[in-house]
PDB file of N, CA and C in Angstrom:
ATOM      1  N   MET A   1      79.767  99.215  71.703  1.00  0.00           N
ATOM      2  CA  MET A   1      80.890  98.230  72.328  1.00  0.00           C
ATOM      3  C   MET A   1      81.399  98.664  73.227  1.00  0.00           C
ATOM      4  N   GLY A   2      82.098 100.135  73.373  1.00  0.00           N
ATOM      5  CA  GLY A   2      82.300 100.590  74.593  1.00  0.00           C
ATOM      6  C   GLY A   2      81.326 100.393  76.040  1.00  0.00           C
ATOM      7  N   ALA A   3      80.006 100.685  75.659  1.00  0.00           N
ATOM      8  CA  ALA A   3      79.160 100.347  76.936  1.00  0.00           C
ATOM      9  C   ALA A   3      79.291  99.082  77.434  1.00  0.00           C
ATOM     10  N   LEU A   4      79.229  98.283  76.988  1.00  0.00           N
ATOM     11  CA  LEU A   4      79.336  96.392  76.925  1.00  0.00           C
ATOM     12  C   LEU A   4      80.392  96.251  77.747  1.00  0.00           C
ATOM     13  N   ARG A   5      81.217  96.814  77.453  1.00  0.00           N
ATOM     14  CA  ARG A   5      82.794  96.490  77.782  1.00  0.00           C
ATOM     15  C   ARG A   5      82.804  97.205  79.427  1.00  0.00           C
ATOM     16  N   THR A   6      82.146  98.184  79.471  1.00  0.00           N
ATOM     17  CA  THR A   6      82.300  99.155  80.954  1.00  0.00           C
ATOM     18  C   THR A   6      81.139  98.557  81.651  1.00  0.00           C
ATOM     19  N   LEU A   7      80.158  98.208  81.224  1.00  0.00           N
ATOM     20  CA  LEU A   7      79.702  97.424  82.210  1.00  0.00           C
ATOM     21  C   LEU A   7      80.057  95.863  82.352  1.00  0.00           C
ATOM     22  N   ALA A   8      80.185  95.456  81.613  1.00  0.00           N
ATOM     23  CA  ALA A   8      81.446  93.478  81.815  1.00  0.00           C
ATOM     24  C   ALA A   8      82.239  94.056  82.994  1.00  0.00           C
ATOM     25  N   ARG A   9      82.859  95.183  83.171  1.00  0.00           N
ATOM     26  CA  ARG A   9      84.185  95.372  83.752  1.00  0.00           C
ATOM     27  C   ARG A   9      83.713  95.930  85.241  1.00  0.00           C
ATOM     28  N   GLU A  10      82.463  96.495  85.543  1.00  0.00           N
ATOM     29  CA  GLU A  10      81.467  96.687  86.307  1.00  0.00           C
ATOM     30  C   GLU A  10      80.989  95.632  86.886  1.00  0.00           C
ATOM     31  N   LEU A  11      80.850  94.814  86.546  1.00  0.00           N
ATOM     32  CA  LEU A  11      80.052  93.546  87.144  1.00  0.00           C
ATOM     33  C   LEU A  11      80.759  92.703  87.593  1.00  0.00           C
ATOM     34  N   VAL A  12      82.407  92.294  87.172  1.00  0.00           N
ATOM     35  CA  VAL A  12      83.199  91.422  87.814  1.00  0.00           C
ATOM     36  C   VAL A  12      83.805  92.636  88.916  1.00  0.00           C
ATOM     37  N   ALA A  13      83.576  93.775  88.800  1.00  0.00           N
ATOM     38  CA  ALA A  13      84.042  94.607  89.917  1.00  0.00           C
ATOM     39  C   ALA A  13      83.149  94.657  90.781  1.00  0.00           C
ATOM     40  N   LEU A  14      82.114  93.960  90.646  1.00  0.00           N
ATOM     41  CA  LEU A  14      81.087  93.583  91.939  1.00  0.00           C
ATOM     42  C   LEU A  14      81.670  92.733  92.876  1.00  0.00           C
ATOM     43  N   PHE A  15      82.137  91.717  91.972  1.00  0.00           N
ATOM     44  CA  PHE A  15      82.707  90.435  93.033  1.00  0.00           C
ATOM     45  C   PHE A  15      84.053  90.387  92.623  1.00  0.00           C
ATOM     46  N   VAL A  16      84.945  90.762  92.553  1.00  0.00           N
ATOM     47  CA  VAL A  16      86.407  90.739  92.508  1.00  0.00           C
ATOM     48  C   VAL A  16      86.658  92.116  92.787  1.00  0.00           C
ATOM     49  N   ASP A  17      86.720  93.004  93.820  1.00  0.00           N
ATOM     50  CA  ASP A  17      87.174  94.068  94.004  1.00  0.00           C
ATOM     51  C   ASP A  17      88.609  94.336  94.392  1.00  0.00           C
ATOM     52  N   ASP A  18      89.214  93.341  94.396  1.00  0.00           N
ATOM     53  CA  ASP A  18      90.570  93.412  95.054  1.00  0.00           C
ATOM     54  C   ASP A  18      90.885  91.965  94.781  1.00  0.00           C
ATOM     55  N   GLY A  19      92.020  91.552  93.742  1.00  0.00           N
ATOM     56  CA  GLY A  19      92.353  90.868  92.812  1.00  0.00           C
ATOM     57  C   GLY A  19      93.138  89.645  93.999  1.00  0.00           C
ATOM     58  N   SER A  20      93.817  90.608  94.866  1.00  0.00           N
ATOM     59  CA  SER A  20      94.461  89.816  96.110  1.00  0.00           C
ATOM     60  C   SER A  20      93.819  89.028  96.910  1.00  0.00           C
ATOM     61  N   LEU A  21      92.627  89.566  97.617  1.00  0.00           N
ATOM     62  CA  LEU A  21      91.456  88.630  98.172  1.00  0.00           C
ATOM     63  C   LEU A  21      90.747  87.974  97.326  1.00  0.00           C
ATOM     64  N   ALA A  22      90.476  88.062  96.413  1.00  0.00           N
ATOM     65  CA  ALA A  22      89.999  86.816  95.630  1.00  0.00           C
ATOM     66  C   ALA A  22      91.129  85.495  94.943  1.00  0.00           C
ATOM     67  N   LEU A  23      92.395  86.114  94.671  1.00  0.00           N
ATOM     68  CA  LEU A  23      93.292  85.102  94.445  1.00  0.00           C
ATOM     69  C   LEU A  23      93.549  84.395  95.741  1.00  0.00           C
ATOM     70  N   SER A  24      93.297  84.794  96.771  1.00  0.00           N
ATOM     71  CA  SER A  24      93.991  84.734  98.548  1.00  0.00           C
ATOM     72  C   SER A  24      92.837  83.132  98.487  1.00  0.00           C
ATOM     73  N   ALA A  25      91.673  83.989  98.562  1.00  0.00           N
ATOM     74  CA  ALA A  25      90.565  82.874  98.402  1.00  0.00           C
ATOM     75  C   ALA A  25      90.344  81.513  97.967  1.00  0.00           C
ATOM     76  N   LEU A  26      90.629  81.758  96.577  1.00  0.00           N
ATOM     77  CA  LEU A  26      91.066  80.642  95.894  1.00  0.00           C
ATOM     78  C   LEU A  26      92.244  79.773  96.037  1.00  0.00           C
ATOM     79  N   LEU A  27      92.996  80.306  96.729  1.00  0.00           N
ATOM     80  CA  LEU A  27      94.218  79.504  97.307  1.00  0.00           C
ATOM     81  C   LEU A  27      94.035  78.638  98.294  1.00  0.00           C
ATOM     82  N   TRP A  28      93.667  79.313  99.246  1.00  0.00           N
ATOM     83  CA  TRP A  28      92.804  78.614 100.470  1.00  0.00           C
ATOM     84  C   TRP A  28      92.175  77.447 100.609  1.00  0.00           C
ATOM     85  N   VAL A  29      90.799  77.623  99.228  1.00  0.00           N
ATOM     86  CA  VAL A  29      89.996  76.873  99.103  1.00  0.00           C
ATOM     87  C   VAL A  29      90.683  75.643  98.552  1.00  0.00           C
ATOM     88  N   ALA A  30      91.019  75.674  97.249  1.00  0.00           N
ATOM     89  CA  ALA A  30      91.926  74.723  97.142  1.00  0.00           C
ATOM     90  C   ALA A  30      93.169  74.177  97.742  1.00  0.00           C
ATOM     91  N   ALA A  31      93.686  74.835  98.481  1.00  0.00           N
ATOM     92  CA  ALA A  31      94.702  73.900  99.736  1.00  0.00           C
ATOM     93  C   ALA A  31      93.621  73.386 100.603  1.00  0.00           C
ATOM     94  N   CYS A  32      92.317  73.685 100.839  1.00  0.00           N
ATOM     95  CA  CYS A  32      91.723  72.887 102.134  1.00  0.00           C
ATOM     96  C   CYS A  32      91.071  71.608 100.926  1.00  0.00           C
ATOM     97  N   ALA A  33      90.659  71.896  99.622  1.00  0.00           N
ATOM     98  CA  ALA A  33      90.562  70.660  98.951  1.00  0.00           C
ATOM     99  C   ALA A  33      91.428  69.794  99.293  1.00  0.00           C
ATOM    100  N   LEU A  34      92.209  70.156  98.948  1.00  0.00           N
ATOM    101  CA  LEU A  34      93.561  69.082  98.924  1.00  0.00           C
ATOM    102  C   LEU A  34      93.929  68.186 100.217  1.00  0.00           C
ATOM    103  N   ALA A  35      93.627  69.275 101.164  1.00  0.00           N
ATOM    104  CA  ALA A  35      93.853  68.262 102.405  1.00  0.00           C
ATOM    105  C   ALA A  35      92.916  67.143 102.436  1.00  0.00           C
ATOM    106  N   VAL A  36      91.110  67.759 101.864  1.00  0.00           N
ATOM    107  CA  VAL A  36      90.407  66.139 101.919  1.00  0.00           C
ATOM    108  C   VAL A  36      90.875  65.076 101.165  1.00  0.00           C
ATOM    109  N   ARG A  37      91.600  65.414 100.221  1.00  0.00           N
ATOM    110  CA  ARG A  37      91.638  64.733  99.071  1.00  0.00           C
ATOM    111  C   ARG A  37      92.597  63.724  99.837  1.00  0.00           C
ATOM    112  N   LEU A  38      93.755  64.165 100.840  1.00  0.00           N
ATOM    113  CA  LEU A  38      94.681  63.634 101.217  1.00  0.00           C
ATOM    114  C   LEU A  38      94.380  62.832 102.754  1.00  0.00           C
ATOM    115  N   GLY A  39      93.227  62.962 103.263  1.00  0.00           N
ATOM    116  CA  GLY A  39      92.892  62.116 103.678  1.00  0.00           C
ATOM    117  C   GLY A  39      92.417  62.896 105.380  1.00  0.00           C
ATOM    118  N   LEU A  40      92.968  64.053 105.258  1.00  0.00           N
ATOM    119  CA  LEU A  40      92.273  64.722 106.754  1.00  0.00           C
ATOM    120  C   LEU A  40      91.035  64.616 106.908  1.00  0.00           C
ATOM    121  N   PRO A  41      90.385  64.542 108.530  1.00  0.00           N
ATOM    122  CA  PRO A  41      88.518  65.014 108.381  1.00  0.00           C
ATOM    123  C   PRO A  41      88.242  65.755 108.175  1.00  0.00           C
ATOM    124  N   ALA A  42      87.504  65.701 107.248  1.00  0.00           N
ATOM    125  CA  ALA A  42      86.560  66.628 106.530  1.00  0.00           C
ATOM    126  C   ALA A  42      86.113  68.042 107.711  1.00  0.00           C
ATOM    127  N   GLY A  43      85.615  67.450 108.821  1.00  0.00           N
ATOM    128  CA  GLY A  43      85.235  68.472 109.864  1.00  0.00           C
ATOM    129  C   GLY A  43      85.834  69.636 110.399  1.00  0.00           C
ATOM    130  N   TRP A  44      87.529  68.857 110.556  1.00  0.00           N
ATOM    131  CA  TRP A  44      88.922  69.794 110.783  1.00  0.00           C
ATOM    132  C   TRP A  44      88.618  70.593 109.318  1.00  0.00           C
ATOM    133  N   VAL A  45      89.221  70.338 108.546  1.00  0.00           N
ATOM    134  CA  VAL A  45      89.207  71.173 107.174  1.00  0.00           C
ATOM    135  C   VAL A  45      88.379  71.933 107.379  1.00  0.00           C
ATOM    136  N   GLY A  46      86.863  71.748 107.351  1.00  0.00           N
ATOM    137  CA  GLY A  46      85.703  72.784 107.152  1.00  0.00           C
ATOM    138  C   GLY A  46      86.165  73.537 108.214  1.00  0.00           C
ATOM    139  N   ALA A  47      86.418  73.604 109.484  1.00  0.00           N
ATOM    140  CA  ALA A  47      86.737  74.701 110.501  1.00  0.00           C
ATOM    141  C   ALA A  47      87.986  75.388 110.063  1.00  0.00           C
ATOM    142  N   ALA A  48      88.864  75.039 109.243  1.00  0.00           N
ATOM    143  CA  ALA A  48      90.159  75.386 108.559  1.00  0.00           C
ATOM    144  C   ALA A  48      89.908  76.521 107.959  1.00  0.00           C
ATOM    145  N   LEU A  49      88.866  76.149 107.190  1.00  0.00           N
ATOM    146  CA  LEU A  49      88.338  76.820 105.576  1.00  0.00           C
ATOM    147  C   LEU A  49      87.580  77.894 106.137  1.00  0.00           C
ATOM    148  N   ALA A  50      86.589  77.738 106.883  1.00  0.00           N
ATOM    149  CA  ALA A  50      86.003  78.638 107.951  1.00  0.00           C
ATOM    150  C   ALA A  50      86.940  79.909 108.575  1.00  0.00           C
ATOM    151  N   VAL A  51      87.763  79.192 109.295  1.00  0.00           N
ATOM    152  CA  VAL A  51      88.186  80.394 110.222  1.00  0.00           C
ATOM    153  C   VAL A  51      89.659  80.918 108.741  1.00  0.00           C
ATOM    154  N   GLY A  52      89.897  79.973 107.844  1.00  0.00           N
ATOM    155  CA  GLY A  52      90.810  80.653 107.131  1.00  0.00           C
ATOM    156  C   GLY A  52      90.691  81.852 106.148  1.00  0.00           C
ATOM    157  N   LEU A  53      89.315  81.453 105.838  1.00  0.00           N
ATOM    158  CA  LEU A  53      88.571  82.555 105.036  1.00  0.00           C
ATOM    159  C   LEU A  53      88.531  83.754 105.616  1.00  0.00           C
ATOM    160  N   ALA A  54      87.826  83.676 106.562  1.00  0.00           N
ATOM    161  CA  ALA A  54      87.367  84.456 107.610  1.00  0.00           C
ATOM    162  C   ALA A  54      88.760  85.687 107.967  1.00  0.00           C
ATOM    163  N   ALA A  55      90.050  84.978 108.421  1.00  0.00           N
ATOM    164  CA  ALA A  55      91.217  85.649 108.372  1.00  0.00           C
ATOM    165  C   ALA A  55      91.857  86.350 106.957  1.00  0.00           C
ATOM    166  N   ILE A  56      91.574  85.924 106.179  1.00  0.00           N
ATOM    167  CA  ILE A  56      91.763  86.475 104.514  1.00  0.00           C
ATOM    168  C   ILE A  56      90.753  87.482 104.433  1.00  0.00           C
ATOM    169  N   LEU A  57      89.602  87.674 104.394  1.00  0.00           N
ATOM    170  CA  LEU A  57      88.416  88.611 104.606  1.00  0.00           C
ATOM    171  C   LEU A  57      89.003  89.696 105.656  1.00  0.00           C
ATOM    172  N   ALA A  58      89.275  89.524 107.021  1.00  0.00           N
ATOM    173  CA  ALA A  58      89.735  90.503 108.027  1.00  0.00           C
ATOM    174  C   ALA A  58      91.005  90.966 107.469  1.00  0.00           C
ATOM    175  N   GLU A  59      91.851  90.522 106.955  1.00  0.00           N
ATOM    176  CA  GLU A  59      93.280  91.005 106.739  1.00  0.00           C
ATOM    177  C   GLU A  59      93.179  91.958 105.889  1.00  0.00           C
ATOM    178  N   ASN A  60      92.247  91.698 104.650  1.00  0.00           N
ATOM    179  CA  ASN A  60      91.889  92.512 103.734  1.00  0.00           C
ATOM    180  C   ASN A  60      91.142  93.627 103.916  1.00  0.00           C
ATOM    181  N   ALA A  61      90.175  93.656 104.841  1.00  0.00           N
ATOM    182  CA  ALA A  61      89.551  94.893 105.024  1.00  0.00           C
ATOM    183  C   ALA A  61      90.455  95.762 106.235  1.00  0.00           C
ATOM    184  N   LEU A  62      91.507  95.285 106.803  1.00  0.00           N
ATOM    185  CA  LEU A  62      92.164  96.242 107.471  1.00  0.00           C
ATOM    186  C   LEU A  62      93.435  96.845 106.629  1.00  0.00           C
ATOM    187  N   ARG A  63      93.897  95.836 105.917  1.00  0.00           N
ATOM    188  CA  ARG A  63      94.490  96.817 104.632  1.00  0.00           C
ATOM    189  C   ARG A  63      94.029  97.796 103.900  1.00  0.00           C
ATOM    190  N   ALA A  64      92.979  97.771 103.596  1.00  0.00           N
ATOM    191  CA  ALA A  64      91.648  98.652 102.982  1.00  0.00           C
ATOM    192  C   ALA A  64      91.683  99.914 103.808  1.00  0.00           C
ATOM    193  N   ALA A  65      91.466  99.303 105.052  1.00  0.00           N
ATOM    194  CA  ALA A  65      91.133 100.934 106.256  1.00  0.00           C
ATOM    195  C   ALA A  65      92.593 101.544 106.061  1.00  0.00           C
ATOM    196  N   SER A  66      93.664 100.787 105.976  1.00  0.00           N
ATOM    197  CA  SER A  66      94.480 101.574 106.307  1.00  0.00           C
ATOM    198  C   SER A  66      95.139 102.069 104.958  1.00  0.00           C
ATOM    199  N   ARG A  67      94.762 101.728 103.620  1.00  0.00           N
ATOM    200  CA  ARG A  67      95.106 102.736 102.594  1.00  0.00           C
ATOM    201  C   ARG A  67      94.057 104.233 102.619  1.00  0.00           C
ATOM    202  N   LYS A  68      93.111 103.899 103.408  1.00  0.00           N
ATOM    203  CA  LYS A  68      91.817 105.228 102.816  1.00  0.00           C
ATOM    204  C   LYS A  68      92.379 106.305 104.288  1.00  0.00           C
ATOM    205  N   SER A  69      93.110 105.746 105.157  1.00  0.00           N
ATOM    206  CA  SER A  69      93.502 106.922 106.290  1.00  0.00           C
ATOM    207  C   SER A  69      94.624 107.559 105.704  1.00  0.00           C
TER     208      SER A  69
END
């Protein structure tokens, strides 16, 4: 049973290396979905989604790089 638990933990770590990255991305996607539901143009929300997710990823990469230095 311990090996199965370790396998599951490693599998989750492949997709969620940093909890703050995953949480930030989920919150940004939810905010953009809410913006569409409120009637904002989907094209603008799509662009905001892409730029926001790129910014979240860049911030996370910079933070991880500064931790390793």
